[in-house]
Amino acid sequence: MKKILTVILSATVSIASAQWTDTNNNFEDSIQEPVSKALLTQKNPITLTSYPDGGYFVIWEDERNMANTKTDIYAQKYDRNGNRLWALDGVPVSNGPNNQHYTFSSNQDYRNRSFAATDSAGGFYITYSDDSVSNYVWEKLTIQHVRSNGTGVFASPGYTLLTSNVANLNFASQLISDGNKGFFVVYKTSSGNDYVNAYCYRDENGILKYYGGGRMNENAVQTSAVAPCGIKTDVIYPGTSVFDLNIWSDGYGGCNIIMYMNGNMLGQYKMLCYNRLWRAKKIPVQNLFPQYFRCRLPQDK
């Protein structure tokens, strides 16, 4: 006798919202809850899981105060059940007098970039640009740390990490967690050539403490030429243009950087390059056998 196995599939649609109005879990239920109903435009939303409480953040660019503070950044936090935890329509991450934005003019999809990361205490870090507008846009690379209660550690427009000395330069900054209650931030600078820079920081009692990093790209080319005494070999440094970059964790307390660059010399053309910022081991500890030792690992206290 043949047996017939019947499989029943069910689906649940989860929308970033406050506590659900309809708890029947019917597939046809399409009633959404607004994250923000403030005037004018809320756009470019990103989401982030909160650690260790299991809630989540919704972060967006907001134009509700366009007449006074131009584009701002707002956020809302929800618990794991979808209950809103912060003020109605969200709280300001930054609402300084200039434009603040984490998106930038490009064909890139901002949703494939990481701009915010957990602080491992129910809050988050975020990187964005603050545009100081005169005849040109002189961008500032800015960091904010938002606590679990929705308040910012640094006054608006946030902690200025770097100010551009090149008109209309876009830092295109990205940020990920370092797994140690801090973060890695990566960004592009230009001084004739484009450079990619990655650094590690952590907020310690309102002070952004530096934990290392540096330049991630240098375009070096070896050349050879006939000389009176044989072959002369030199290393030259052609100009470089950086079109794109991305950052992700290396799984060991450091980060990886991928860069799409152009070497500005004949025959070099466009190239895809990689580098890694690693967390150095420290405090060697000698054990019972003098010929062996262990190094302190990133997860060690």
C-alpha atoms as a PDB file:
ATOM      1  CA  MET A   1       0.000   0.000   0.000  1.00  0.00           C
ATOM      2  CA  LYS A   2       1.378   3.357  -0.993  1.00  0.00           C
ATOM      3  CA  LYS A   3       1.643   6.046   1.636  1.00  0.00           C
ATOM      4  CA  ILE A   4       1.070   9.691   0.768  1.00  0.00           C
ATOM      5  CA  LEU A   5       3.072  12.271   2.686  1.00  0.00           C
ATOM      6  CA  THR A   6       1.473  15.684   2.886  1.00  0.00           C
ATOM      7  CA  VAL A   7       3.736  18.647   3.627  1.00  0.00           C
ATOM      8  CA  ILE A   8       2.169  21.876   4.846  1.00  0.00           C
ATOM      9  CA  LEU A   9       4.209  25.045   4.333  1.00  0.00           C
ATOM     10  CA  SER A  10       3.680  28.234   6.294  1.00  0.00           C
ATOM     11  CA  ALA A  11       5.265  31.640   5.929  1.00  0.00           C
ATOM     12  CA  THR A  12       5.548  34.624   8.183  1.00  0.00           C
ATOM     13  CA  VAL A  13       6.205  38.125   6.859  1.00  0.00           C
ATOM     14  CA  SER A  14       8.212  40.311   9.259  1.00  0.00           C
ATOM     15  CA  ILE A  15       8.214  44.070   8.697  1.00  0.00           C
ATOM     16  CA  ALA A  16      10.242  46.575  10.720  1.00  0.00           C
ATOM     17  CA  SER A  17       7.463  47.948  12.889  1.00  0.00           C
ATOM     18  CA  ALA A  18       6.026  48.411  16.328  1.00  0.00           C
ATOM     19  CA  GLN A  19       4.021  45.696  18.069  1.00  0.00           C
ATOM     20  CA  TRP A  20       1.766  43.929  15.598  1.00  0.00           C
ATOM     21  CA  THR A  21      -1.889  44.988  15.381  1.00  0.00           C
ATOM     22  CA  ASP A  22      -2.925  41.649  13.921  1.00  0.00           C
ATOM     23  CA  THR A  23      -1.620  38.627  15.840  1.00  0.00           C
ATOM     24  CA  ASN A  24      -3.400  35.941  13.804  1.00  0.00           C
ATOM     25  CA  ASN A  25      -0.258  35.254  11.729  1.00  0.00           C
ATOM     26  CA  ASN A  26      -2.387  34.946   8.624  1.00  0.00           C
ATOM     27  CA  PHE A  27      -0.412  34.897   5.401  1.00  0.00           C
ATOM     28  CA  GLU A  28      -2.822  37.402   3.837  1.00  0.00           C
ATOM     29  CA  ASP A  29      -2.207  39.926   6.640  1.00  0.00           C
ATOM     30  CA  SER A  30      -0.499  42.915   4.994  1.00  0.00           C
ATOM     31  CA  ILE A  31      -1.124  45.560   7.650  1.00  0.00           C
ATOM     32  CA  GLN A  32       2.161  47.350   8.316  1.00  0.00           C
ATOM     33  CA  GLU A  33       3.147  49.558  11.221  1.00  0.00           C
ATOM     34  CA  PRO A  34       4.913  52.836  10.444  1.00  0.00           C
ATOM     35  CA  VAL A  35       8.465  53.320  11.676  1.00  0.00           C
ATOM     36  CA  SER A  36       8.113  57.084  11.241  1.00  0.00           C
ATOM     37  CA  LYS A  37       5.289  59.329  10.054  1.00  0.00           C
ATOM     38  CA  ALA A  38       7.228  62.583  10.429  1.00  0.00           C
ATOM     39  CA  LEU A  39       6.708  65.265   7.785  1.00  0.00           C
ATOM     40  CA  LEU A  40       8.651  65.241   4.510  1.00  0.00           C
ATOM     41  CA  THR A  41      10.900  62.327   3.531  1.00  0.00           C
ATOM     42  CA  GLN A  42      12.429  59.403   5.390  1.00  0.00           C
ATOM     43  CA  LYS A  43      14.729  57.411   3.082  1.00  0.00           C
ATOM     44  CA  ASN A  44      17.586  54.921   2.638  1.00  0.00           C
ATOM     45  CA  PRO A  45      16.794  52.678   5.640  1.00  0.00           C
ATOM     46  CA  ILE A  46      19.306  50.203   7.034  1.00  0.00           C
ATOM     47  CA  THR A  47      18.793  47.615   9.782  1.00  0.00           C
ATOM     48  CA  LEU A  48      21.083  46.219  12.451  1.00  0.00           C
ATOM     49  CA  THR A  49      20.706  43.485  15.063  1.00  0.00           C
ATOM     50  CA  SER A  50      21.150  44.634  18.656  1.00  0.00           C
ATOM     51  CA  TYR A  51      23.495  42.634  20.860  1.00  0.00           C
ATOM     52  CA  PRO A  52      23.120  41.033  23.384  1.00  0.00           C
ATOM     53  CA  ASP A  53      19.376  41.669  23.772  1.00  0.00           C
ATOM     54  CA  GLY A  54      18.347  40.315  20.371  1.00  0.00           C
ATOM     55  CA  GLY A  55      16.394  43.410  19.343  1.00  0.00           C
ATOM     56  CA  TYR A  56      17.102  45.444  16.245  1.00  0.00           C
ATOM     57  CA  PHE A  57      17.627  48.977  14.995  1.00  0.00           C
ATOM     58  CA  VAL A  58      16.161  50.739  11.979  1.00  0.00           C
ATOM     59  CA  ILE A  59      18.307  53.691  10.842  1.00  0.00           C
ATOM     60  CA  TRP A  60      17.475  56.148   8.076  1.00  0.00           C
ATOM     61  CA  GLU A  61      18.169  59.559   6.510  1.00  0.00           C
ATOM     62  CA  ASP A  62      15.451  62.041   7.451  1.00  0.00           C
ATOM     63  CA  GLU A  63      14.322  65.393   6.005  1.00  0.00           C
ATOM     64  CA  ARG A  64      11.728  66.404   8.621  1.00  0.00           C
ATOM     65  CA  ASN A  65      13.848  69.448   9.599  1.00  0.00           C
ATOM     66  CA  MET A  66      15.008  70.260   6.072  1.00  0.00           C
ATOM     67  CA  ALA A  67      14.452  74.006   6.482  1.00  0.00           C
ATOM     68  CA  ASN A  68      16.771  74.256   9.501  1.00  0.00           C
ATOM     69  CA  THR A  69      19.159  71.303   9.672  1.00  0.00           C
ATOM     70  CA  LYS A  70      18.853  69.854   6.153  1.00  0.00           C
ATOM     71  CA  THR A  71      19.152  66.049   5.974  1.00  0.00           C
ATOM     72  CA  ASP A  72      19.570  64.349   9.370  1.00  0.00           C
ATOM     73  CA  ILE A  73      20.011  60.762  10.525  1.00  0.00           C
ATOM     74  CA  TYR A  74      17.410  59.119  12.780  1.00  0.00           C
ATOM     75  CA  ALA A  75      17.021  55.691  14.362  1.00  0.00           C
ATOM     76  CA  GLN A  76      14.455  53.535  16.125  1.00  0.00           C
ATOM     77  CA  LYS A  77      14.981  50.461  18.296  1.00  0.00           C
ATOM     78  CA  TYR A  78      12.648  47.488  18.695  1.00  0.00           C
ATOM     79  CA  ASP A  79      12.796  44.532  20.999  1.00  0.00           C
ATOM     80  CA  ARG A  80      12.748  40.996  19.626  1.00  0.00           C
ATOM     81  CA  ASN A  81       8.922  40.994  19.708  1.00  0.00           C
ATOM     82  CA  GLY A  82       8.580  44.134  17.586  1.00  0.00           C
ATOM     83  CA  ASN A  83       7.827  46.570  20.410  1.00  0.00           C
ATOM     84  CA  ARG A  84       9.069  50.123  19.859  1.00  0.00           C
ATOM     85  CA  LEU A  85      11.566  51.146  22.551  1.00  0.00           C
ATOM     86  CA  TRP A  86      12.462  54.730  21.658  1.00  0.00           C
ATOM     87  CA  ALA A  87      10.468  57.905  21.008  1.00  0.00           C
ATOM     88  CA  LEU A  88       7.675  58.001  18.432  1.00  0.00           C
ATOM     89  CA  ASP A  89       9.065  58.612  14.920  1.00  0.00           C
ATOM     90  CA  GLY A  90      12.608  57.826  16.086  1.00  0.00           C
ATOM     91  CA  VAL A  91      15.440  59.679  17.804  1.00  0.00           C
ATOM     92  CA  PRO A  92      18.092  61.849  16.118  1.00  0.00           C
ATOM     93  CA  VAL A  93      21.475  60.206  15.619  1.00  0.00           C
ATOM     94  CA  SER A  94      22.695  63.525  14.246  1.00  0.00           C
ATOM     95  CA  ASN A  95      20.818  66.732  13.458  1.00  0.00           C
ATOM     96  CA  GLY A  96      23.565  69.315  12.957  1.00  0.00           C
ATOM     97  CA  PRO A  97      23.118  72.380  10.711  1.00  0.00           C
ATOM     98  CA  ASN A  98      24.562  70.689   7.581  1.00  0.00           C
ATOM     99  CA  ASN A  99      23.601  67.595   5.619  1.00  0.00           C
ATOM    100  CA  GLN A 100      24.427  64.337   7.371  1.00  0.00           C
ATOM    101  CA  HIS A 101      24.314  61.218   5.221  1.00  0.00           C
ATOM    102  CA  TYR A 102      25.847  57.741   4.932  1.00  0.00           C
ATOM    103  CA  THR A 103      24.825  57.332   1.290  1.00  0.00           C
ATOM    104  CA  PHE A 104      26.730  59.106  -1.455  1.00  0.00           C
ATOM    105  CA  SER A 105      26.295  59.942  -5.137  1.00  0.00           C
ATOM    106  CA  SER A 106      27.182  56.785  -7.008  1.00  0.00           C
ATOM    107  CA  ASN A 107      25.722  53.846  -8.856  1.00  0.00           C
ATOM    108  CA  GLN A 108      26.511  51.694  -5.825  1.00  0.00           C
ATOM    109  CA  ASP A 109      23.806  50.083  -3.734  1.00  0.00           C
ATOM    110  CA  TYR A 110      24.119  51.403  -0.149  1.00  0.00           C
ATOM    111  CA  ARG A 111      22.408  48.246   1.141  1.00  0.00           C
ATOM    112  CA  ASN A 112      25.558  46.258   0.312  1.00  0.00           C
ATOM    113  CA  ARG A 113      27.649  48.437   2.629  1.00  0.00           C
ATOM    114  CA  SER A 114      28.061  48.358   6.415  1.00  0.00           C
ATOM    115  CA  PHE A 115      27.725  51.795   8.029  1.00  0.00           C
ATOM    116  CA  ALA A 116      26.688  50.754  11.540  1.00  0.00           C
ATOM    117  CA  ALA A 117      27.717  48.054  14.030  1.00  0.00           C
ATOM    118  CA  THR A 118      26.769  46.892  17.505  1.00  0.00           C
ATOM    119  CA  ASP A 119      28.604  48.237  20.544  1.00  0.00           C
ATOM    120  CA  SER A 120      27.856  44.900  22.316  1.00  0.00           C
ATOM    121  CA  ALA A 121      25.863  46.792  24.976  1.00  0.00           C
ATOM    122  CA  GLY A 122      22.479  47.354  23.307  1.00  0.00           C
ATOM    123  CA  GLY A 123      23.577  50.400  21.327  1.00  0.00           C
ATOM    124  CA  PHE A 124      25.472  50.986  18.073  1.00  0.00           C
ATOM    125  CA  TYR A 125      28.254  52.880  16.338  1.00  0.00           C
ATOM    126  CA  ILE A 126      27.659  54.565  12.988  1.00  0.00           C
ATOM    127  CA  THR A 127      29.791  56.438  10.449  1.00  0.00           C
ATOM    128  CA  TYR A 128      28.482  59.139   8.116  1.00  0.00           C
ATOM    129  CA  SER A 129      29.465  62.368   6.403  1.00  0.00           C
ATOM    130  CA  ASP A 130      28.735  65.906   7.532  1.00  0.00           C
ATOM    131  CA  ASP A 131      28.730  68.383   4.631  1.00  0.00           C
ATOM    132  CA  SER A 132      30.090  71.814   5.510  1.00  0.00           C
ATOM    133  CA  VAL A 133      28.578  73.775   2.647  1.00  0.00           C
ATOM    134  CA  SER A 134      30.047  77.007   1.236  1.00  0.00           C
ATOM    135  CA  ASN A 135      30.852  77.345  -2.453  1.00  0.00           C
ATOM    136  CA  TYR A 136      31.902  73.697  -2.413  1.00  0.00           C
ATOM    137  CA  VAL A 137      31.224  70.728  -0.168  1.00  0.00           C
ATOM    138  CA  TRP A 138      33.992  70.188   2.383  1.00  0.00           C
ATOM    139  CA  GLU A 139      33.095  66.868   3.880  1.00  0.00           C
ATOM    140  CA  LYS A 140      33.739  65.768   7.458  1.00  0.00           C
ATOM    141  CA  LEU A 141      34.042  62.092   8.337  1.00  0.00           C
ATOM    142  CA  THR A 142      31.876  61.684  11.424  1.00  0.00           C
ATOM    143  CA  ILE A 143      31.271  59.001  14.058  1.00  0.00           C
ATOM    144  CA  GLN A 144      28.377  58.671  16.501  1.00  0.00           C
ATOM    145  CA  HIS A 145      27.884  56.218  19.354  1.00  0.00           C
ATOM    146  CA  VAL A 146      24.218  55.748  20.240  1.00  0.00           C
ATOM    147  CA  ARG A 147      23.589  54.214  23.673  1.00  0.00           C
ATOM    148  CA  SER A 148      20.952  51.583  24.387  1.00  0.00           C
ATOM    149  CA  ASN A 149      18.553  54.315  25.607  1.00  0.00           C
ATOM    150  CA  GLY A 150      18.734  56.207  22.306  1.00  0.00           C
ATOM    151  CA  THR A 151      21.005  59.075  23.391  1.00  0.00           C
ATOM    152  CA  GLY A 152      24.147  60.001  21.500  1.00  0.00           C
ATOM    153  CA  VAL A 153      27.538  60.047  23.226  1.00  0.00           C
ATOM    154  CA  PHE A 154      28.831  62.896  21.045  1.00  0.00           C
ATOM    155  CA  ALA A 155      27.009  66.175  20.451  1.00  0.00           C
ATOM    156  CA  SER A 156      25.619  66.739  16.944  1.00  0.00           C
ATOM    157  CA  PRO A 157      26.825  66.496  14.303  1.00  0.00           C
ATOM    158  CA  GLY A 158      28.977  63.804  15.983  1.00  0.00           C
ATOM    159  CA  TYR A 159      32.654  63.138  16.544  1.00  0.00           C
ATOM    160  CA  THR A 160      34.700  64.533  13.630  1.00  0.00           C
ATOM    161  CA  LEU A 161      37.331  61.971  12.752  1.00  0.00           C
ATOM    162  CA  LEU A 162      38.690  63.799   9.694  1.00  0.00           C
ATOM    163  CA  THR A 163      37.959  66.890   7.603  1.00  0.00           C
ATOM    164  CA  SER A 164      38.549  66.876   3.860  1.00  0.00           C
ATOM    165  CA  ASN A 165      41.089  69.250   2.344  1.00  0.00           C
ATOM    166  CA  VAL A 166      39.759  68.498  -1.143  1.00  0.00           C
ATOM    167  CA  ALA A 167      36.517  70.067  -2.380  1.00  0.00           C
ATOM    168  CA  ASN A 168      33.731  67.570  -3.124  1.00  0.00           C
ATOM    169  CA  LEU A 169      35.751  64.587  -1.896  1.00  0.00           C
ATOM    170  CA  ASN A 170      33.506  61.810  -0.629  1.00  0.00           C
ATOM    171  CA  PHE A 171      35.080  59.696   2.104  1.00  0.00           C
ATOM    172  CA  ALA A 172      32.645  56.814   1.370  1.00  0.00           C
ATOM    173  CA  SER A 173      33.255  55.532   4.913  1.00  0.00           C
ATOM    174  CA  GLN A 174      32.150  52.113   6.153  1.00  0.00           C
ATOM    175  CA  LEU A 175      32.140  50.630   9.659  1.00  0.00           C
ATOM    176  CA  ILE A 176      32.024  47.144  11.209  1.00  0.00           C
ATOM    177  CA  SER A 177      32.341  45.802  14.753  1.00  0.00           C
ATOM    178  CA  ASP A 178      35.784  44.716  15.959  1.00  0.00           C
ATOM    179  CA  GLY A 179      34.281  42.079  18.291  1.00  0.00           C
ATOM    180  CA  ASN A 180      35.807  43.863  21.283  1.00  0.00           C
ATOM    181  CA  LYS A 181      33.167  46.572  21.973  1.00  0.00           C
ATOM    182  CA  GLY A 182      34.801  48.842  19.392  1.00  0.00           C
ATOM    183  CA  PHE A 183      34.785  49.184  15.616  1.00  0.00           C
ATOM    184  CA  PHE A 184      36.820  49.351  12.424  1.00  0.00           C
ATOM    185  CA  VAL A 185      36.214  52.293  10.092  1.00  0.00           C
ATOM    186  CA  VAL A 186      37.501  52.390   6.513  1.00  0.00           C
ATOM    187  CA  TYR A 187      37.436  55.387   4.171  1.00  0.00           C
ATOM    188  CA  LYS A 188      39.050  56.967   1.123  1.00  0.00           C
ATOM    189  CA  THR A 189      41.214  60.105   1.075  1.00  0.00           C
ATOM    190  CA  SER A 190      42.824  61.965  -1.810  1.00  0.00           C
ATOM    191  CA  SER A 191      45.996  64.008  -2.061  1.00  0.00           C
ATOM    192  CA  GLY A 192      46.857  63.666  -5.718  1.00  0.00           C
ATOM    193  CA  ASN A 193      46.375  59.900  -5.369  1.00  0.00           C
ATOM    194  CA  ASP A 194      43.498  58.025  -3.747  1.00  0.00           C
ATOM    195  CA  TYR A 195      44.275  56.121  -0.556  1.00  0.00           C
ATOM    196  CA  VAL A 196      42.239  53.669   1.500  1.00  0.00           C
ATOM    197  CA  ASN A 197      42.622  53.938   5.287  1.00  0.00           C
ATOM    198  CA  ALA A 198      41.385  51.582   8.027  1.00  0.00           C
ATOM    199  CA  TYR A 199      41.524  52.201  11.787  1.00  0.00           C
ATOM    200  CA  CYS A 200      40.211  50.676  14.994  1.00  0.00           C
ATOM    201  CA  TYR A 201      38.535  52.732  17.748  1.00  0.00           C
ATOM    202  CA  ARG A 202      36.464  52.190  20.874  1.00  0.00           C
ATOM    203  CA  ASP A 203      34.410  54.596  22.963  1.00  0.00           C
ATOM    204  CA  GLU A 204      35.730  54.523  26.530  1.00  0.00           C
ATOM    205  CA  ASN A 205      33.687  56.773  28.839  1.00  0.00           C
ATOM    206  CA  GLY A 206      32.990  59.304  26.093  1.00  0.00           C
ATOM    207  CA  ILE A 207      36.555  59.277  24.718  1.00  0.00           C
ATOM    208  CA  LEU A 208      37.119  57.694  21.316  1.00  0.00           C
ATOM    209  CA  LYS A 209      40.286  55.688  21.926  1.00  0.00           C
ATOM    210  CA  TYR A 210      42.558  54.748  19.021  1.00  0.00           C
ATOM    211  CA  TYR A 211      43.645  51.100  18.684  1.00  0.00           C
ATOM    212  CA  GLY A 212      45.753  51.153  15.525  1.00  0.00           C
ATOM    213  CA  GLY A 213      45.460  50.966  11.765  1.00  0.00           C
ATOM    214  CA  GLY A 214      46.857  52.721   8.719  1.00  0.00           C
ATOM    215  CA  ARG A 215      46.951  53.027   4.931  1.00  0.00           C
ATOM    216  CA  MET A 216      45.749  49.917   3.129  1.00  0.00           C
ATOM    217  CA  ASN A 217      47.003  50.566  -0.424  1.00  0.00           C
ATOM    218  CA  GLU A 218      50.222  51.693  -2.073  1.00  0.00           C
ATOM    219  CA  ASN A 219      50.705  51.242  -5.809  1.00  0.00           C
ATOM    220  CA  ALA A 220      54.326  50.105  -6.226  1.00  0.00           C
ATOM    221  CA  VAL A 221      55.742  48.988  -9.603  1.00  0.00           C
ATOM    222  CA  GLN A 222      59.215  47.593 -10.240  1.00  0.00           C
ATOM    223  CA  THR A 223      60.921  48.855 -13.413  1.00  0.00           C
ATOM    224  CA  SER A 224      64.126  47.768 -15.136  1.00  0.00           C
ATOM    225  CA  ALA A 225      66.294  49.640 -17.607  1.00  0.00           C
ATOM    226  CA  VAL A 226      69.661  49.166 -19.258  1.00  0.00           C
ATOM    227  CA  ALA A 227      72.409  51.104 -17.456  1.00  0.00           C
ATOM    228  CA  PRO A 228      76.169  51.511 -18.189  1.00  0.00           C
ATOM    229  CA  CYS A 229      77.018  48.854 -15.616  1.00  0.00           C
ATOM    230  CA  GLY A 230      74.166  46.433 -16.372  1.00  0.00           C
ATOM    231  CA  ILE A 231      70.450  46.499 -15.519  1.00  0.00           C
ATOM    232  CA  LYS A 232      69.131  49.180 -13.222  1.00  0.00           C
ATOM    233  CA  THR A 233      66.053  48.251 -11.159  1.00  0.00           C
ATOM    234  CA  ASP A 234      63.820  50.848  -9.505  1.00  0.00           C
ATOM    235  CA  VAL A 235      60.521  50.860  -7.644  1.00  0.00           C
ATOM    236  CA  ILE A 236      58.189  53.674  -8.658  1.00  0.00           C
ATOM    237  CA  TYR A 237      54.821  54.690  -7.218  1.00  0.00           C
ATOM    238  CA  PRO A 238      52.322  55.578  -9.970  1.00  0.00           C
ATOM    239  CA  GLY A 239      49.201  57.576  -9.235  1.00  0.00           C
ATOM    240  CA  THR A 240      46.179  55.539  -8.151  1.00  0.00           C
ATOM    241  CA  SER A 241      42.428  56.065  -8.395  1.00  0.00           C
ATOM    242  CA  VAL A 242      40.149  54.080  -6.069  1.00  0.00           C
ATOM    243  CA  PHE A 243      36.679  53.438  -7.489  1.00  0.00           C
ATOM    244  CA  ASP A 244      35.242  51.118  -4.883  1.00  0.00           C
ATOM    245  CA  LEU A 245      36.029  49.410  -1.583  1.00  0.00           C
ATOM    246  CA  ASN A 246      34.426  47.100   0.933  1.00  0.00           C
ATOM    247  CA  ILE A 247      35.205  45.924   4.477  1.00  0.00           C
ATOM    248  CA  TRP A 248      34.347  42.731   6.352  1.00  0.00           C
ATOM    249  CA  SER A 249      35.512  40.891   9.452  1.00  0.00           C
ATOM    250  CA  ASP A 250      38.391  38.419   9.227  1.00  0.00           C
ATOM    251  CA  GLY A 251      36.877  36.381  12.083  1.00  0.00           C
ATOM    252  CA  TYR A 252      39.944  36.893  14.306  1.00  0.00           C
ATOM    253  CA  GLY A 253      39.402  40.386  15.662  1.00  0.00           C
ATOM    254  CA  GLY A 254      40.685  42.115  12.510  1.00  0.00           C
ATOM    255  CA  CYS A 255      39.198  43.175   9.187  1.00  0.00           C
ATOM    256  CA  ASN A 256      39.632  42.589   5.453  1.00  0.00           C
ATOM    257  CA  ILE A 257      39.545  45.274   2.753  1.00  0.00           C
ATOM    258  CA  ILE A 258      38.837  44.721  -0.942  1.00  0.00           C
ATOM    259  CA  MET A 259      39.634  47.630  -3.301  1.00  0.00           C
ATOM    260  CA  TYR A 260      38.858  48.277  -6.972  1.00  0.00           C
ATOM    261  CA  MET A 261      41.635  50.564  -8.197  1.00  0.00           C
ATOM    262  CA  ASN A 262      43.191  51.981 -11.343  1.00  0.00           C
ATOM    263  CA  GLY A 263      46.955  52.308 -11.701  1.00  0.00           C
ATOM    264  CA  ASN A 264      47.518  55.540 -13.575  1.00  0.00           C
ATOM    265  CA  MET A 265      50.395  54.387 -15.776  1.00  0.00           C
ATOM    266  CA  LEU A 266      50.547  52.852 -19.219  1.00  0.00           C
ATOM    267  CA  GLY A 267      49.913  49.115 -19.156  1.00  0.00           C
ATOM    268  CA  GLN A 268      48.643  48.860 -15.577  1.00  0.00           C
ATOM    269  CA  TYR A 269      44.933  49.600 -15.971  1.00  0.00           C
ATOM    270  CA  LYS A 270      42.235  48.551 -13.490  1.00  0.00           C
ATOM    271  CA  MET A 271      42.910  45.963 -10.793  1.00  0.00           C
ATOM    272  CA  LEU A 272      41.275  44.301  -7.800  1.00  0.00           C
ATOM    273  CA  CYS A 273      43.404  44.450  -4.640  1.00  0.00           C
ATOM    274  CA  TYR A 274      43.146  43.060  -1.117  1.00  0.00           C
ATOM    275  CA  ASN A 275      44.634  43.888   2.264  1.00  0.00           C
ATOM    276  CA  ARG A 276      44.048  42.964   5.892  1.00  0.00           C
ATOM    277  CA  LEU A 277      44.224  44.887   9.147  1.00  0.00           C
ATOM    278  CA  TRP A 278      44.968  42.318  11.828  1.00  0.00           C
ATOM    279  CA  ARG A 279      44.876  42.518  15.605  1.00  0.00           C
ATOM    280  CA  ALA A 280      48.385  41.933  16.914  1.00  0.00           C
ATOM    281  CA  LYS A 281      48.965  39.251  19.499  1.00  0.00           C
ATOM    282  CA  LYS A 282      50.430  40.576  22.729  1.00  0.00           C
ATOM    283  CA  ILE A 283      51.790  39.737  26.181  1.00  0.00           C
ATOM    284  CA  PRO A 284      53.820  36.545  25.546  1.00  0.00           C
ATOM    285  CA  VAL A 285      53.442  34.165  28.472  1.00  0.00           C
ATOM    286  CA  GLN A 286      56.157  31.564  29.121  1.00  0.00           C
ATOM    287  CA  ASN A 287      54.951  28.143  30.223  1.00  0.00           C
ATOM    288  CA  LEU A 288      56.722  25.277  31.987  1.00  0.00           C
ATOM    289  CA  PHE A 289      58.753  24.478  28.880  1.00  0.00           C
ATOM    290  CA  PRO A 290      61.182  27.317  28.014  1.00  0.00           C
ATOM    291  CA  GLN A 291      61.327  26.379  24.347  1.00  0.00           C
ATOM    292  CA  TYR A 292      57.627  27.027  23.928  1.00  0.00           C
ATOM    293  CA  PHE A 293      55.433  30.009  24.617  1.00  0.00           C
ATOM    294  CA  ARG A 294      51.935  31.178  23.852  1.00  0.00           C
ATOM    295  CA  CYS A 295      50.745  34.619  22.794  1.00  0.00           C
ATOM    296  CA  ARG A 296      47.716  36.369  24.131  1.00  0.00           C
ATOM    297  CA  LEU A 297      44.858  35.979  21.671  1.00  0.00           C
ATOM    298  CA  PRO A 298      42.235  38.624  20.808  1.00  0.00           C
ATOM    299  CA  GLN A 299      39.582  36.832  22.864  1.00  0.00           C
ATOM    300  CA  ASP A 300      41.808  36.755  25.974  1.00  0.00           C
ATOM    301  CA  LYS A 301      40.967  39.242  28.700  1.00  0.00           C
END
